[in-house]
N, C-alpha and C. Protein backbone atom coordinates (compact mmCIF):
# COMPACT_ATOMS: atom_id res chain seq x y z
N MET A 1 4.85 -3.59 15.76
CA MET A 1 4.34 -3.00 14.52
C MET A 1 3.90 -4.13 13.59
N ASN A 2 2.83 -3.91 12.89
CA ASN A 2 2.30 -4.88 11.94
C ASN A 2 3.34 -5.17 10.84
N GLU A 3 3.55 -6.45 10.54
CA GLU A 3 4.55 -6.82 9.53
C GLU A 3 4.20 -6.27 8.15
N ASP A 4 2.92 -6.21 7.81
CA ASP A 4 2.53 -5.67 6.51
C ASP A 4 2.81 -4.17 6.43
N PHE A 5 2.60 -3.48 7.54
CA PHE A 5 2.91 -2.05 7.56
C PHE A 5 4.41 -1.83 7.35
N GLU A 6 5.21 -2.63 8.02
CA GLU A 6 6.66 -2.53 7.88
C GLU A 6 7.07 -2.87 6.44
N TRP A 7 6.42 -3.86 5.84
CA TRP A 7 6.72 -4.22 4.45
C TRP A 7 6.41 -3.05 3.52
N ILE A 8 5.26 -2.40 3.72
CA ILE A 8 4.91 -1.24 2.91
C ILE A 8 5.97 -0.15 3.09
N ARG A 9 6.35 0.10 4.32
CA ARG A 9 7.34 1.15 4.59
C ARG A 9 8.65 0.89 3.85
N THR A 10 9.08 -0.35 3.83
CA THR A 10 10.36 -0.65 3.19
C THR A 10 10.26 -0.80 1.67
N HIS A 11 9.04 -0.92 1.15
CA HIS A 11 8.85 -1.07 -0.30
C HIS A 11 8.08 0.10 -0.93
N ILE A 12 7.97 1.19 -0.21
CA ILE A 12 7.13 2.30 -0.67
C ILE A 12 7.56 2.84 -2.03
N GLU A 13 8.84 2.92 -2.29
CA GLU A 13 9.28 3.45 -3.58
C GLU A 13 8.84 2.55 -4.73
N GLU A 14 8.92 1.24 -4.55
CA GLU A 14 8.45 0.31 -5.57
C GLU A 14 6.94 0.42 -5.76
N LEU A 15 6.22 0.57 -4.66
CA LEU A 15 4.76 0.70 -4.74
C LEU A 15 4.37 1.97 -5.50
N VAL A 16 5.09 3.06 -5.24
CA VAL A 16 4.81 4.31 -5.96
C VAL A 16 5.07 4.13 -7.45
N GLU A 17 6.15 3.46 -7.79
CA GLU A 17 6.47 3.23 -9.21
C GLU A 17 5.37 2.42 -9.91
N LYS A 18 4.84 1.41 -9.24
CA LYS A 18 3.88 0.50 -9.87
C LYS A 18 2.42 0.92 -9.72
N TYR A 19 2.06 1.49 -8.54
CA TYR A 19 0.65 1.64 -8.20
C TYR A 19 0.24 3.06 -7.82
N ALA A 20 1.02 4.05 -8.19
CA ALA A 20 0.75 5.44 -7.80
C ALA A 20 -0.69 5.83 -8.09
N GLY A 21 -1.33 6.47 -7.11
CA GLY A 21 -2.69 6.96 -7.27
C GLY A 21 -3.76 5.92 -7.01
N ASN A 22 -3.37 4.73 -6.63
CA ASN A 22 -4.32 3.65 -6.33
C ASN A 22 -4.22 3.25 -4.87
N TYR A 23 -5.16 2.42 -4.47
CA TYR A 23 -5.09 1.78 -3.16
C TYR A 23 -4.57 0.37 -3.37
N VAL A 24 -3.73 -0.08 -2.45
CA VAL A 24 -3.29 -1.47 -2.48
C VAL A 24 -3.76 -2.14 -1.20
N ALA A 25 -4.13 -3.40 -1.32
CA ALA A 25 -4.43 -4.22 -0.16
C ALA A 25 -3.27 -5.19 -0.02
N VAL A 26 -2.63 -5.16 1.14
CA VAL A 26 -1.46 -6.00 1.39
C VAL A 26 -1.83 -7.04 2.45
N VAL A 27 -1.48 -8.29 2.15
CA VAL A 27 -1.69 -9.38 3.08
C VAL A 27 -0.42 -10.24 3.06
N GLU A 28 0.10 -10.48 4.23
CA GLU A 28 1.29 -11.31 4.38
C GLU A 28 2.44 -10.85 3.46
N LYS A 29 2.68 -9.55 3.49
CA LYS A 29 3.80 -8.92 2.78
C LYS A 29 3.72 -9.04 1.27
N ARG A 30 2.50 -9.02 0.74
CA ARG A 30 2.36 -9.00 -0.72
C ARG A 30 1.09 -8.24 -1.08
N VAL A 31 1.16 -7.59 -2.24
CA VAL A 31 0.01 -6.86 -2.75
C VAL A 31 -0.97 -7.88 -3.34
N VAL A 32 -2.19 -7.88 -2.82
CA VAL A 32 -3.19 -8.84 -3.30
C VAL A 32 -4.26 -8.18 -4.16
N VAL A 33 -4.49 -6.89 -3.97
CA VAL A 33 -5.49 -6.16 -4.76
C VAL A 33 -5.00 -4.74 -4.98
N VAL A 34 -5.27 -4.22 -6.17
CA VAL A 34 -5.01 -2.82 -6.51
C VAL A 34 -6.31 -2.26 -7.06
N ASN A 35 -6.75 -1.10 -6.55
CA ASN A 35 -8.00 -0.52 -7.01
C ASN A 35 -7.98 0.99 -6.77
N LYS A 36 -8.77 1.71 -7.54
CA LYS A 36 -8.89 3.17 -7.33
C LYS A 36 -9.66 3.48 -6.05
N SER A 37 -10.45 2.53 -5.57
CA SER A 37 -11.25 2.71 -4.37
C SER A 37 -10.68 1.88 -3.22
N GLY A 38 -10.45 2.52 -2.10
CA GLY A 38 -9.97 1.80 -0.93
C GLY A 38 -10.98 0.79 -0.44
N LYS A 39 -12.24 1.15 -0.46
CA LYS A 39 -13.31 0.24 -0.01
C LYS A 39 -13.37 -0.99 -0.90
N LEU A 40 -13.30 -0.79 -2.22
CA LEU A 40 -13.34 -1.94 -3.13
C LEU A 40 -12.09 -2.80 -2.98
N ALA A 41 -10.95 -2.19 -2.77
CA ALA A 41 -9.72 -2.96 -2.56
C ALA A 41 -9.87 -3.84 -1.32
N GLU A 42 -10.40 -3.26 -0.26
CA GLU A 42 -10.60 -4.03 0.97
C GLU A 42 -11.60 -5.16 0.77
N ASP A 43 -12.74 -4.84 0.15
CA ASP A 43 -13.78 -5.85 -0.07
C ASP A 43 -13.26 -7.01 -0.91
N LYS A 44 -12.52 -6.69 -1.98
CA LYS A 44 -11.99 -7.75 -2.85
C LYS A 44 -10.96 -8.60 -2.11
N ALA A 45 -10.11 -7.97 -1.30
CA ALA A 45 -9.11 -8.72 -0.54
C ALA A 45 -9.78 -9.64 0.47
N LEU A 46 -10.82 -9.15 1.13
CA LEU A 46 -11.54 -9.98 2.10
C LEU A 46 -12.22 -11.16 1.43
N THR A 47 -12.73 -10.94 0.21
CA THR A 47 -13.38 -12.02 -0.55
C THR A 47 -12.34 -13.04 -1.02
N GLN A 48 -11.22 -12.56 -1.52
CA GLN A 48 -10.17 -13.45 -2.03
C GLN A 48 -9.49 -14.25 -0.93
N LEU A 49 -9.33 -13.63 0.24
CA LEU A 49 -8.59 -14.27 1.33
C LEU A 49 -9.41 -14.21 2.62
N PRO A 50 -10.49 -14.99 2.68
CA PRO A 50 -11.32 -14.95 3.88
C PRO A 50 -10.50 -15.33 5.12
N GLY A 51 -10.76 -14.64 6.19
CA GLY A 51 -10.05 -14.90 7.43
C GLY A 51 -8.76 -14.11 7.58
N LYS A 52 -8.33 -13.44 6.54
CA LYS A 52 -7.13 -12.61 6.60
C LYS A 52 -7.56 -11.15 6.71
N GLU A 53 -6.73 -10.36 7.37
CA GLU A 53 -7.03 -8.93 7.52
C GLU A 53 -6.09 -8.13 6.64
N PRO A 54 -6.63 -7.57 5.53
CA PRO A 54 -5.76 -6.80 4.64
C PRO A 54 -5.43 -5.43 5.23
N LEU A 55 -4.26 -4.96 4.91
CA LEU A 55 -3.87 -3.59 5.23
C LEU A 55 -4.04 -2.80 3.93
N VAL A 56 -5.00 -1.89 3.92
CA VAL A 56 -5.30 -1.11 2.71
C VAL A 56 -4.61 0.23 2.85
N PHE A 57 -3.88 0.60 1.79
CA PHE A 57 -3.01 1.77 1.85
C PHE A 57 -3.14 2.58 0.57
N PRO A 58 -3.37 3.90 0.66
CA PRO A 58 -3.38 4.74 -0.54
C PRO A 58 -1.95 5.04 -0.97
N VAL A 59 -1.60 4.62 -2.16
CA VAL A 59 -0.24 4.85 -2.67
C VAL A 59 -0.21 6.26 -3.27
N PRO A 60 0.67 7.11 -2.77
CA PRO A 60 0.70 8.47 -3.29
C PRO A 60 1.19 8.52 -4.74
N LYS A 61 0.78 9.57 -5.44
CA LYS A 61 1.31 9.81 -6.78
C LYS A 61 2.78 10.19 -6.63
N LYS A 62 3.52 9.96 -7.69
CA LYS A 62 4.97 10.17 -7.63
C LYS A 62 5.34 11.59 -7.19
N GLU A 63 4.66 12.59 -7.73
CA GLU A 63 4.98 13.97 -7.37
C GLU A 63 4.66 14.26 -5.90
N ASP A 64 3.58 13.65 -5.39
CA ASP A 64 3.24 13.84 -3.97
C ASP A 64 4.24 13.12 -3.08
N PHE A 65 4.66 11.95 -3.51
CA PHE A 65 5.65 11.18 -2.75
C PHE A 65 6.96 11.95 -2.65
N ASN A 66 7.41 12.50 -3.76
CA ASN A 66 8.67 13.27 -3.75
C ASN A 66 8.56 14.47 -2.83
N CYS A 67 7.40 15.10 -2.81
CA CYS A 67 7.19 16.24 -1.91
C CYS A 67 7.24 15.79 -0.45
N LEU A 68 6.61 14.66 -0.15
CA LEU A 68 6.62 14.13 1.21
C LEU A 68 8.04 13.79 1.66
N LEU A 69 8.83 13.25 0.74
CA LEU A 69 10.21 12.88 1.10
C LEU A 69 11.04 14.08 1.53
N SER A 70 10.71 15.24 0.99
CA SER A 70 11.48 16.42 1.38
C SER A 70 11.21 16.77 2.85
N PHE A 71 10.03 16.38 3.37
CA PHE A 71 9.71 16.65 4.78
C PHE A 71 10.01 15.47 5.69
N PHE A 72 9.81 14.26 5.17
CA PHE A 72 9.96 13.04 5.97
C PHE A 72 10.83 12.03 5.23
N PRO A 73 12.13 12.19 5.25
CA PRO A 73 13.01 11.25 4.52
C PRO A 73 12.85 9.83 5.05
N ILE A 74 12.95 8.88 4.14
CA ILE A 74 12.86 7.46 4.51
C ILE A 74 14.21 7.03 5.05
N ARG A 75 14.16 6.35 6.16
CA ARG A 75 15.39 5.82 6.75
C ARG A 75 15.31 4.31 6.72
N PRO A 76 16.36 3.64 6.29
CA PRO A 76 16.35 2.17 6.24
C PRO A 76 16.25 1.53 7.60
């Protein structure tokens, strides 16, 4: 499994608190870009960190996240 994906999975609650409703681009286990557009987040991350492959992820809004947790609880 991709390390950035695993990092997102283990930090999802923090991401929802900070970036709900936005897209984040994650590279090497850190958020490098936040944007309302996934395409723009990806483009900016690629420009900022050439040669790196960002993982772009839509961060759910808090109410959507809470609803998802009722169906898919997070396990450590």
